[in-house]
Amino acid sequence: ADTFFAILERTLPRAARAPFEAGLPGPAVHLLLFVQRVEDIAPGLYF
C-alpha cells in the first residue's frame, strides 16, 4: 500500500517540486483508478 501511495504522490502537482514546478498551466487532469492488487486496499474504483 505504501508503494501505491508513493507512486500516486509523485503525480501530484506540488509547489516547488519537479516536474510540475516547470509551470505548465493546470492542473486540469485527474486520475480514475482501477485498483486490483494493492495490499490492504480493497479492490475497486478510486479517484
All heavy atoms as atom14 arrays in JSON, in Angstrom:
{
  "sequence": "ADTFFAILERTLPRAARAPFEAGLPGPAVHLLLFVQRVEDIAPGLYF",
  "atom14_mask": [
    [1, 1, 1, 1, 1, 0, 0, 0, 0, 0, 0, 0, 0, 0],
    [1, 1, 1, 1, 1, 1, 1, 1, 0, 0, 0, 0, 0, 0],
    [1, 1, 1, 1, 1, 1, 1, 0, 0, 0, 0, 0, 0, 0],
    [1, 1, 1, 1, 1, 1, 1, 1, 1, 1, 1, 0, 0, 0],
    [1, 1, 1, 1, 1, 1, 1, 1, 1, 1, 1, 0, 0, 0],
    [1, 1, 1, 1, 1, 0, 0, 0, 0, 0, 0, 0, 0, 0],
    [1, 1, 1, 1, 1, 1, 1, 1, 0, 0, 0, 0, 0, 0],
    [1, 1, 1, 1, 1, 1, 1, 1, 0, 0, 0, 0, 0, 0],
    [1, 1, 1, 1, 1, 1, 1, 1, 1, 0, 0, 0, 0, 0],
    [1, 1, 1, 1, 1, 1, 1, 1, 1, 1, 1, 0, 0, 0],
    [1, 1, 1, 1, 1, 1, 1, 0, 0, 0, 0, 0, 0, 0],
    [1, 1, 1, 1, 1, 1, 1, 1, 0, 0, 0, 0, 0, 0],
    [1, 1, 1, 1, 1, 1, 1, 0, 0, 0, 0, 0, 0, 0],
    [1, 1, 1, 1, 1, 1, 1, 1, 1, 1, 1, 0, 0, 0],
    [1, 1, 1, 1, 1, 0, 0, 0, 0, 0, 0, 0, 0, 0],
    [1, 1, 1, 1, 1, 0, 0, 0, 0, 0, 0, 0, 0, 0],
    [1, 1, 1, 1, 1, 1, 1, 1, 1, 1, 1, 0, 0, 0],
    [1, 1, 1, 1, 1, 0, 0, 0, 0, 0, 0, 0, 0, 0],
    [1, 1, 1, 1, 1, 1, 1, 0, 0, 0, 0, 0, 0, 0],
    [1, 1, 1, 1, 1, 1, 1, 1, 1, 1, 1, 0, 0, 0],
    [1, 1, 1, 1, 1, 1, 1, 1, 1, 0, 0, 0, 0, 0],
    [1, 1, 1, 1, 1, 0, 0, 0, 0, 0, 0, 0, 0, 0],
    [1, 1, 1, 1, 0, 0, 0, 0, 0, 0, 0, 0, 0, 0],
    [1, 1, 1, 1, 1, 1, 1, 1, 0, 0, 0, 0, 0, 0],
    [1, 1, 1, 1, 1, 1, 1, 0, 0, 0, 0, 0, 0, 0],
    [1, 1, 1, 1, 0, 0, 0, 0, 0, 0, 0, 0, 0, 0],
    [1, 1, 1, 1, 1, 1, 1, 0, 0, 0, 0, 0, 0, 0],
    [1, 1, 1, 1, 1, 0, 0, 0, 0, 0, 0, 0, 0, 0],
    [1, 1, 1, 1, 1, 1, 1, 0, 0, 0, 0, 0, 0, 0],
    [1, 1, 1, 1, 1, 1, 1, 1, 1, 1, 0, 0, 0, 0],
    [1, 1, 1, 1, 1, 1, 1, 1, 0, 0, 0, 0, 0, 0],
    [1, 1, 1, 1, 1, 1, 1, 1, 0, 0, 0, 0, 0, 0],
    [1, 1, 1, 1, 1, 1, 1, 1, 0, 0, 0, 0, 0, 0],
    [1, 1, 1, 1, 1, 1, 1, 1, 1, 1, 1, 0, 0, 0],
    [1, 1, 1, 1, 1, 1, 1, 0, 0, 0, 0, 0, 0, 0],
    [1, 1, 1, 1, 1, 1, 1, 1, 1, 0, 0, 0, 0, 0],
    [1, 1, 1, 1, 1, 1, 1, 1, 1, 1, 1, 0, 0, 0],
    [1, 1, 1, 1, 1, 1, 1, 0, 0, 0, 0, 0, 0, 0],
    [1, 1, 1, 1, 1, 1, 1, 1, 1, 0, 0, 0, 0, 0],
    [1, 1, 1, 1, 1, 1, 1, 1, 0, 0, 0, 0, 0, 0],
    [1, 1, 1, 1, 1, 1, 1, 1, 0, 0, 0, 0, 0, 0],
    [1, 1, 1, 1, 1, 0, 0, 0, 0, 0, 0, 0, 0, 0],
    [1, 1, 1, 1, 1, 1, 1, 0, 0, 0, 0, 0, 0, 0],
    [1, 1, 1, 1, 0, 0, 0, 0, 0, 0, 0, 0, 0, 0],
    [1, 1, 1, 1, 1, 1, 1, 1, 0, 0, 0, 0, 0, 0],
    [1, 1, 1, 1, 1, 1, 1, 1, 1, 1, 1, 1, 0, 0],
    [1, 1, 1, 1, 1, 1, 1, 1, 1, 1, 1, 0, 0, 0]
  ],
  "atom14_positions": [
    [[0.83, -1.21, 0.0], [0.0, 0.0, 0.0], [0.87, 1.26, 0.0], [0.56, 2.23, -0.7], [-0.93, 0.0, 1.22], [0.0, 0.0, 0.0], [0.0, 0.0, 0.0], [0.0, 0.0, 0.0], [0.0, 0.0, 0.0], [0.0, 0.0, 0.0], [0.0, 0.0, 0.0], [0.0, 0.0, 0.0], [0.0, 0.0, 0.0], [0.0, 0.0, 0.0]],
    [[1.96, 1.27, 0.77], [2.81, 2.45, 0.8], [3.49, 2.69, -0.54], [3.74, 3.84, -0.92], [3.86, 2.33, 1.91], [3.29, 2.68, 3.29], [2.13, 3.15, 3.35], [4.01, 2.5, 4.29], [0.0, 0.0, 0.0], [0.0, 0.0, 0.0], [0.0, 0.0, 0.0], [0.0, 0.0, 0.0], [0.0, 0.0, 0.0], [0.0, 0.0, 0.0]],
    [[3.8, 1.64, -1.27], [4.32, 1.8, -2.63], [3.28, 2.45, -3.52], [3.59, 3.37, -4.3], [4.73, 0.43, -3.21], [5.78, -0.13, -2.42], [5.18, 0.55, -4.66], [0.0, 0.0, 0.0], [0.0, 0.0, 0.0], [0.0, 0.0, 0.0], [0.0, 0.0, 0.0], [0.0, 0.0, 0.0], [0.0, 0.0, 0.0], [0.0, 0.0, 0.0]],
    [[2.06, 2.01, -3.42], [0.95, 2.57, -4.19], [0.8, 4.07, -3.91], [0.72, 4.89, -4.83], [-0.32, 1.81, -3.81], [-1.6, 2.34, -4.38], [-1.83, 2.37, -5.75], [-2.62, 2.8, -3.54], [-3.03, 2.85, -6.27], [-3.81, 3.27, -4.04], [-4.01, 3.29, -5.41], [0.0, 0.0, 0.0], [0.0, 0.0, 0.0], [0.0, 0.0, 0.0]],
    [[0.82, 4.45, -2.64], [0.65, 5.86, -2.3], [1.87, 6.69, -2.7], [1.73, 7.85, -3.09], [0.35, 6.02, -0.81], [-1.08, 5.75, -0.46], [-1.5, 4.49, -0.06], [-2.03, 6.76, -0.56], [-2.83, 4.24, 0.24], [-3.36, 6.53, -0.25], [-3.76, 5.26, 0.14], [0.0, 0.0, 0.0], [0.0, 0.0, 0.0], [0.0, 0.0, 0.0]],
    [[3.06, 6.1, -2.6], [4.26, 6.83, -3.02], [4.22, 7.12, -4.52], [4.61, 8.2, -4.97], [5.51, 6.02, -2.67], [0.0, 0.0, 0.0], [0.0, 0.0, 0.0], [0.0, 0.0, 0.0], [0.0, 0.0, 0.0], [0.0, 0.0, 0.0], [0.0, 0.0, 0.0], [0.0, 0.0, 0.0], [0.0, 0.0, 0.0], [0.0, 0.0, 0.0]],
    [[3.74, 6.17, -5.3], [3.63, 6.37, -6.75], [2.63, 7.48, -7.05], [2.89, 8.38, -7.86], [3.22, 5.04, -7.43], [4.35, 4.02, -7.34], [2.84, 5.29, -8.9], [3.95, 2.63, -7.78], [0.0, 0.0, 0.0], [0.0, 0.0, 0.0], [0.0, 0.0, 0.0], [0.0, 0.0, 0.0], [0.0, 0.0, 0.0], [0.0, 0.0, 0.0]],
    [[1.47, 7.43, -6.39], [0.45, 8.46, -6.62], [0.93, 9.83, -6.17], [0.64, 10.85, -6.82], [-0.84, 8.09, -5.9], [-1.56, 6.82, -6.37], [-2.88, 6.67, -5.62], [-1.8, 6.83, -7.87], [0.0, 0.0, 0.0], [0.0, 0.0, 0.0], [0.0, 0.0, 0.0], [0.0, 0.0, 0.0], [0.0, 0.0, 0.0], [0.0, 0.0, 0.0]],
    [[1.66, 9.89, -5.07], [2.17, 11.17, -4.56], [2.98, 11.9, -5.62], [2.89, 13.12, -5.76], [3.03, 10.91, -3.31], [3.82, 12.11, -2.81], [2.95, 13.24, -2.31], [1.94, 12.95, -1.62], [3.27, 14.41, -2.61], [0.0, 0.0, 0.0], [0.0, 0.0, 0.0], [0.0, 0.0, 0.0], [0.0, 0.0, 0.0], [0.0, 0.0, 0.0]],
    [[3.75, 11.17, -6.39], [4.63, 11.81, -7.37], [3.86, 12.38, -8.56], [4.39, 13.19, -9.32], [5.68, 10.81, -7.85], [6.98, 11.44, -8.28], [7.67, 12.2, -7.18], [8.03, 11.34, -6.07], [7.87, 11.67, -4.79], [7.38, 12.85, -4.46], [8.21, 10.84, -3.83], [0.0, 0.0, 0.0], [0.0, 0.0, 0.0], [0.0, 0.0, 0.0]],
    [[2.6, 12.01, -8.73], [1.79, 12.57, -9.83], [1.11, 13.88, -9.42], [0.51, 14.54, -10.27], [0.71, 11.58, -10.29], [-0.3, 11.46, -9.28], [1.3, 10.22, -10.6], [0.0, 0.0, 0.0], [0.0, 0.0, 0.0], [0.0, 0.0, 0.0], [0.0, 0.0, 0.0], [0.0, 0.0, 0.0], [0.0, 0.0, 0.0], [0.0, 0.0, 0.0]],
    [[1.19, 14.25, -8.13], [0.51, 15.45, -7.67], [1.34, 16.69, -7.96], [2.56, 16.69, -7.74], [0.23, 15.34, -6.17], [-0.69, 14.19, -5.74], [-0.82, 14.15, -4.22], [-2.06, 14.3, -6.4], [0.0, 0.0, 0.0], [0.0, 0.0, 0.0], [0.0, 0.0, 0.0], [0.0, 0.0, 0.0], [0.0, 0.0, 0.0], [0.0, 0.0, 0.0]],
    [[0.72, 17.76, -8.44], [1.47, 18.98, -8.8], [1.8, 19.82, -7.58], [1.25, 20.91, -7.38], [0.52, 19.69, -9.76], [-0.85, 19.29, -9.29], [-0.71, 17.87, -8.78], [0.0, 0.0, 0.0], [0.0, 0.0, 0.0], [0.0, 0.0, 0.0], [0.0, 0.0, 0.0], [0.0, 0.0, 0.0], [0.0, 0.0, 0.0], [0.0, 0.0, 0.0]],
    [[2.7, 19.34, -6.75], [3.09, 20.06, -5.55], [3.92, 21.3, -5.91], [4.63, 21.33, -6.92], [3.93, 19.17, -4.64], [3.25, 17.89, -4.17], [2.21, 18.16, -3.11], [1.8, 16.92, -2.44], [0.76, 16.85, -1.63], [0.02, 17.91, -1.39], [0.44, 15.7, -1.04], [0.0, 0.0, 0.0], [0.0, 0.0, 0.0], [0.0, 0.0, 0.0]],
    [[3.85, 22.3, -5.05], [4.66, 23.5, -5.25], [6.14, 23.16, -5.11], [6.53, 22.36, -4.26], [4.26, 24.57, -4.24], [0.0, 0.0, 0.0], [0.0, 0.0, 0.0], [0.0, 0.0, 0.0], [0.0, 0.0, 0.0], [0.0, 0.0, 0.0], [0.0, 0.0, 0.0], [0.0, 0.0, 0.0], [0.0, 0.0, 0.0], [0.0, 0.0, 0.0]],
    [[6.96, 23.77, -5.95], [8.43, 23.67, -5.89], [8.92, 22.23, -5.98], [9.9, 21.86, -5.34], [8.96, 24.32, -4.61], [0.0, 0.0, 0.0], [0.0, 0.0, 0.0], [0.0, 0.0, 0.0], [0.0, 0.0, 0.0], [0.0, 0.0, 0.0], [0.0, 0.0, 0.0], [0.0, 0.0, 0.0], [0.0, 0.0, 0.0], [0.0, 0.0, 0.0]],
    [[8.23, 21.41, -6.79], [8.68, 20.04, -6.92], [8.58, 19.59, -8.38], [7.56, 19.83, -9.05], [7.88, 19.1, -6.02], [8.57, 17.76, -5.85], [7.95, 16.94, -4.75], [6.63, 16.46, -5.11], [5.79, 15.88, -4.26], [6.13, 15.77, -3.0], [4.61, 15.46, -4.67], [0.0, 0.0, 0.0], [0.0, 0.0, 0.0], [0.0, 0.0, 0.0]],
    [[9.64, 18.99, -8.87], [9.67, 18.5, -10.24], [8.67, 17.36, -10.41], [8.4, 16.61, -9.48], [11.08, 18.01, -10.58], [0.0, 0.0, 0.0], [0.0, 0.0, 0.0], [0.0, 0.0, 0.0], [0.0, 0.0, 0.0], [0.0, 0.0, 0.0], [0.0, 0.0, 0.0], [0.0, 0.0, 0.0], [0.0, 0.0, 0.0], [0.0, 0.0, 0.0]],
    [[8.12, 17.22, -11.64], [8.37, 18.04, -12.82], [7.39, 19.2, -12.99], [7.58, 20.05, -13.83], [8.19, 17.05, -13.96], [7.05, 16.2, -13.49], [7.28, 16.04, -11.99], [0.0, 0.0, 0.0], [0.0, 0.0, 0.0], [0.0, 0.0, 0.0], [0.0, 0.0, 0.0], [0.0, 0.0, 0.0], [0.0, 0.0, 0.0], [0.0, 0.0, 0.0]],
    [[6.34, 19.22, -12.15], [5.25, 20.18, -12.4], [5.64, 21.6, -12.04], [4.98, 22.55, -12.46], [3.99, 19.73, -11.66], [3.54, 18.35, -12.07], [3.76, 17.26, -11.25], [2.94, 18.14, -13.3], [3.38, 15.98, -11.64], [2.55, 16.87, -13.7], [2.77, 15.78, -12.86], [0.0, 0.0, 0.0], [0.0, 0.0, 0.0], [0.0, 0.0, 0.0]],
    [[6.75, 21.77, -11.28], [7.22, 23.11, -10.98], [7.63, 23.87, -12.24], [7.79, 25.09, -12.21], [8.42, 23.04, -10.04], [9.65, 22.4, -10.68], [10.88, 22.45, -9.8], [10.79, 23.02, -8.71], [11.92, 21.91, -10.21], [0.0, 0.0, 0.0], [0.0, 0.0, 0.0], [0.0, 0.0, 0.0], [0.0, 0.0, 0.0], [0.0, 0.0, 0.0]],
    [[7.79, 23.18, -13.36], [8.12, 23.85, -14.61], [7.05, 24.86, -15.0], [7.32, 25.8, -15.75], [8.32, 22.83, -15.73], [0.0, 0.0, 0.0], [0.0, 0.0, 0.0], [0.0, 0.0, 0.0], [0.0, 0.0, 0.0], [0.0, 0.0, 0.0], [0.0, 0.0, 0.0], [0.0, 0.0, 0.0], [0.0, 0.0, 0.0], [0.0, 0.0, 0.0]],
    [[5.83, 24.68, -14.49], [4.83, 25.71, -14.62], [3.95, 25.65, -15.84], [3.43, 26.69, -16.27], [0.0, 0.0, 0.0], [0.0, 0.0, 0.0], [0.0, 0.0, 0.0], [0.0, 0.0, 0.0], [0.0, 0.0, 0.0], [0.0, 0.0, 0.0], [0.0, 0.0, 0.0], [0.0, 0.0, 0.0], [0.0, 0.0, 0.0], [0.0, 0.0, 0.0]],
    [[3.73, 24.46, -16.41], [2.69, 24.36, -17.44], [1.35, 24.62, -16.78], [1.17, 24.35, -15.59], [2.71, 23.0, -18.1], [3.74, 22.81, -19.23], [5.15, 22.64, -18.66], [3.38, 21.61, -20.11], [0.0, 0.0, 0.0], [0.0, 0.0, 0.0], [0.0, 0.0, 0.0], [0.0, 0.0, 0.0], [0.0, 0.0, 0.0], [0.0, 0.0, 0.0]],
    [[0.37, 25.14, -17.52], [-0.9, 25.51, -16.87], [-1.63, 24.3, -16.31], [-1.45, 23.18, -16.77], [-1.69, 26.16, -18.0], [-1.1, 25.61, -19.26], [0.35, 25.42, -18.96], [0.0, 0.0, 0.0], [0.0, 0.0, 0.0], [0.0, 0.0, 0.0], [0.0, 0.0, 0.0], [0.0, 0.0, 0.0], [0.0, 0.0, 0.0], [0.0, 0.0, 0.0]],
    [[-2.46, 24.56, -15.32], [-3.21, 23.48, -14.72], [-3.09, 23.56, -13.2], [-2.72, 24.6, -12.66], [0.0, 0.0, 0.0], [0.0, 0.0, 0.0], [0.0, 0.0, 0.0], [0.0, 0.0, 0.0], [0.0, 0.0, 0.0], [0.0, 0.0, 0.0], [0.0, 0.0, 0.0], [0.0, 0.0, 0.0], [0.0, 0.0, 0.0], [0.0, 0.0, 0.0]],
    [[-3.41, 22.45, -12.53], [-3.77, 21.15, -13.09], [-5.23, 21.08, -13.52], [-6.09, 21.73, -12.93], [-3.5, 20.2, -11.93], [-3.75, 21.05, -10.71], [-3.3, 22.43, -11.07], [0.0, 0.0, 0.0], [0.0, 0.0, 0.0], [0.0, 0.0, 0.0], [0.0, 0.0, 0.0], [0.0, 0.0, 0.0], [0.0, 0.0, 0.0], [0.0, 0.0, 0.0]],
    [[-5.48, 20.29, -14.56], [-6.86, 20.08, -15.03], [-7.19, 18.6, -15.17], [-8.34, 18.25, -15.38], [-7.06, 20.77, -16.37], [0.0, 0.0, 0.0], [0.0, 0.0, 0.0], [0.0, 0.0, 0.0], [0.0, 0.0, 0.0], [0.0, 0.0, 0.0], [0.0, 0.0, 0.0], [0.0, 0.0, 0.0], [0.0, 0.0, 0.0], [0.0, 0.0, 0.0]],
    [[-6.17, 17.73, -15.05], [-6.34, 16.3, -15.24], [-6.37, 15.61, -13.89], [-5.56, 15.91, -13.0], [-5.19, 15.73, -16.1], [-5.3, 14.21, -16.23], [-5.19, 16.38, -17.49], [0.0, 0.0, 0.0], [0.0, 0.0, 0.0], [0.0, 0.0, 0.0], [0.0, 0.0, 0.0], [0.0, 0.0, 0.0], [0.0, 0.0, 0.0], [0.0, 0.0, 0.0]],
    [[-7.31, 14.67, -13.73], [-7.43, 13.87, -12.5], [-7.37, 12.39, -12.87], [-7.5, 12.03, -14.05], [-8.73, 14.22, -11.78], [-8.86, 15.69, -11.48], [-8.38, 16.26, -10.33], [-9.38, 16.71, -12.23], [-8.61, 17.57, -10.36], [-9.21, 17.86, -11.5], [0.0, 0.0, 0.0], [0.0, 0.0, 0.0], [0.0, 0.0, 0.0], [0.0, 0.0, 0.0]],
    [[-7.18, 11.54, -11.87], [-6.96, 10.12, -12.14], [-8.11, 9.28, -11.62], [-8.45, 9.33, -10.44], [-5.65, 9.65, -11.49], [-4.38, 10.43, -11.82], [-3.16, 9.72, -11.25], [-4.22, 10.65, -13.32], [0.0, 0.0, 0.0], [0.0, 0.0, 0.0], [0.0, 0.0, 0.0], [0.0, 0.0, 0.0], [0.0, 0.0, 0.0], [0.0, 0.0, 0.0]],
    [[-8.7, 8.49, -12.53], [-9.65, 7.44, -12.18], [-8.86, 6.15, -12.08], [-8.2, 5.75, -13.04], [-10.74, 7.34, -13.24], [-11.87, 6.34, -12.95], [-12.74, 6.81, -11.79], [-12.71, 6.1, -14.2], [0.0, 0.0, 0.0], [0.0, 0.0, 0.0], [0.0, 0.0, 0.0], [0.0, 0.0, 0.0], [0.0, 0.0, 0.0], [0.0, 0.0, 0.0]],
    [[-8.89, 5.51, -10.92], [-8.01, 4.38, -10.64], [-8.8, 3.09, -10.52], [-9.79, 3.01, -9.77], [-7.25, 4.62, -9.34], [-6.29, 5.81, -9.36], [-5.97, 6.26, -7.95], [-5.02, 5.45, -10.09], [0.0, 0.0, 0.0], [0.0, 0.0, 0.0], [0.0, 0.0, 0.0], [0.0, 0.0, 0.0], [0.0, 0.0, 0.0], [0.0, 0.0, 0.0]],
    [[-8.35, 2.07, -11.24], [-8.89, 0.71, -11.13], [-7.9, -0.07, -10.26], [-6.88, -0.56, -10.74], [-9.0, 0.07, -12.51], [-9.84, 0.84, -13.49], [-9.34, 1.96, -14.15], [-11.15, 0.45, -13.76], [-10.11, 2.66, -15.06], [-11.93, 1.15, -14.67], [-11.41, 2.27, -15.32], [0.0, 0.0, 0.0], [0.0, 0.0, 0.0], [0.0, 0.0, 0.0]],
    [[-8.17, -0.15, -8.98], [-7.25, -0.79, -8.05], [-7.57, -2.28, -8.0], [-8.71, -2.68, -7.72], [-7.35, -0.16, -6.65], [-6.45, -0.9, -5.67], [-6.94, 1.32, -6.73], [0.0, 0.0, 0.0], [0.0, 0.0, 0.0], [0.0, 0.0, 0.0], [0.0, 0.0, 0.0], [0.0, 0.0, 0.0], [0.0, 0.0, 0.0], [0.0, 0.0, 0.0]],
    [[-6.54, -3.1, -8.24], [-6.77, -4.53, -8.37], [-5.94, -5.37, -7.41], [-6.46, -6.31, -6.79], [-6.46, -4.97, -9.83], [-7.42, -4.39, -10.82], [-6.77, -3.93, -12.13], [-7.43, -3.3, -12.94], [-5.51, -4.24, -12.37], [0.0, 0.0, 0.0], [0.0, 0.0, 0.0], [0.0, 0.0, 0.0], [0.0, 0.0, 0.0], [0.0, 0.0, 0.0]],
    [[-4.66, -5.04, -7.25], [-3.77, -5.88, -6.45], [-2.86, -5.01, -5.6], [-1.64, -4.95, -5.84], [-2.98, -6.82, -7.37], [-3.86, -7.82, -8.1], [-3.13, -8.58, -9.2], [-4.09, -9.41, -9.92], [-4.8, -8.97, -10.96], [-4.66, -7.72, -11.39], [-5.67, -9.78, -11.55], [0.0, 0.0, 0.0], [0.0, 0.0, 0.0], [0.0, 0.0, 0.0]],
    [[-3.44, -4.32, -4.63], [-2.68, -3.5, -3.69], [-3.01, -4.01, -2.28], [-4.17, -4.05, -1.9], [-3.04, -2.01, -3.81], [-2.25, -1.18, -2.79], [-2.76, -1.51, -5.23], [0.0, 0.0, 0.0], [0.0, 0.0, 0.0], [0.0, 0.0, 0.0], [0.0, 0.0, 0.0], [0.0, 0.0, 0.0], [0.0, 0.0, 0.0], [0.0, 0.0, 0.0]],
    [[-1.98, -4.4, -1.54], [-2.19, -4.94, -0.2], [-2.9, -3.93, 0.69], [-2.56, -2.74, 0.71], [-0.85, -5.34, 0.42], [-0.15, -6.45, -0.33], [1.27, -6.69, 0.15], [1.72, -5.93, 1.06], [1.94, -7.6, -0.38], [0.0, 0.0, 0.0], [0.0, 0.0, 0.0], [0.0, 0.0, 0.0], [0.0, 0.0, 0.0], [0.0, 0.0, 0.0]],
    [[-3.9, -4.4, 1.43], [-4.65, -3.62, 2.41], [-5.51, -2.52, 1.79], [-6.03, -1.66, 2.51], [-3.71, -2.98, 3.46], [-2.86, -4.02, 4.18], [-3.42, -5.08, 4.51], [-1.66, -3.78, 4.38], [0.0, 0.0, 0.0], [0.0, 0.0, 0.0], [0.0, 0.0, 0.0], [0.0, 0.0, 0.0], [0.0, 0.0, 0.0], [0.0, 0.0, 0.0]],
    [[-5.65, -2.51, 0.46], [-6.53, -1.57, -0.22], [-7.57, -2.39, -0.98], [-7.21, -3.23, -1.82], [-5.77, -0.66, -1.21], [-4.67, 0.12, -0.49], [-6.73, 0.28, -1.92], [-5.18, 1.13, 0.51], [0.0, 0.0, 0.0], [0.0, 0.0, 0.0], [0.0, 0.0, 0.0], [0.0, 0.0, 0.0], [0.0, 0.0, 0.0], [0.0, 0.0, 0.0]],
    [[-8.83, -2.2, -0.66], [-9.89, -3.0, -1.26], [-9.93, -2.79, -2.77], [-9.84, -1.66, -3.25], [-11.23, -2.62, -0.65], [0.0, 0.0, 0.0], [0.0, 0.0, 0.0], [0.0, 0.0, 0.0], [0.0, 0.0, 0.0], [0.0, 0.0, 0.0], [0.0, 0.0, 0.0], [0.0, 0.0, 0.0], [0.0, 0.0, 0.0], [0.0, 0.0, 0.0]],
    [[-10.05, -3.86, -3.56], [-10.22, -3.69, -5.0], [-11.45, -2.82, -5.28], [-12.47, -2.92, -4.6], [-10.43, -5.11, -5.52], [-9.8, -5.99, -4.49], [-10.04, -5.28, -3.17], [0.0, 0.0, 0.0], [0.0, 0.0, 0.0], [0.0, 0.0, 0.0], [0.0, 0.0, 0.0], [0.0, 0.0, 0.0], [0.0, 0.0, 0.0], [0.0, 0.0, 0.0]],
    [[-11.31, -1.93, -6.23], [-12.43, -1.06, -6.55], [-12.04, 0.08, -7.44], [-10.94, 0.13, -8.0], [0.0, 0.0, 0.0], [0.0, 0.0, 0.0], [0.0, 0.0, 0.0], [0.0, 0.0, 0.0], [0.0, 0.0, 0.0], [0.0, 0.0, 0.0], [0.0, 0.0, 0.0], [0.0, 0.0, 0.0], [0.0, 0.0, 0.0], [0.0, 0.0, 0.0]],
    [[-12.95, 1.04, -7.54], [-12.76, 2.23, -8.36], [-12.48, 3.41, -7.43], [-13.2, 3.64, -6.46], [-14.03, 2.49, -9.18], [-13.94, 3.48, -10.34], [-12.99, 2.96, -11.42], [-15.32, 3.73, -10.94], [0.0, 0.0, 0.0], [0.0, 0.0, 0.0], [0.0, 0.0, 0.0], [0.0, 0.0, 0.0], [0.0, 0.0, 0.0], [0.0, 0.0, 0.0]],
    [[-11.42, 4.16, -7.73], [-10.97, 5.26, -6.88], [-10.75, 6.51, -7.73], [-10.59, 6.44, -8.95], [-9.66, 4.9, -6.16], [-9.79, 3.79, -5.14], [-9.93, 2.45, -5.53], [-9.78, 4.07, -3.78], [-10.04, 1.43, -4.6], [-9.89, 3.05, -2.83], [-10.02, 1.73, -3.24], [-10.14, 0.73, -2.3], [0.0, 0.0, 0.0], [0.0, 0.0, 0.0]],
    [[-10.7, 7.65, -7.05], [-10.48, 8.93, -7.73], [-9.38, 9.7, -7.01], [-9.46, 9.91, -5.8], [-11.77, 9.76, -7.72], [-11.73, 11.02, -8.53], [-12.06, 11.02, -9.87], [-11.34, 12.23, -7.94], [-12.03, 12.19, -10.63], [-11.31, 13.41, -8.68], [-11.65, 13.38, -10.03], [0.0, 0.0, 0.0], [0.0, 0.0, 0.0], [0.0, 0.0, 0.0]]
  ]
}
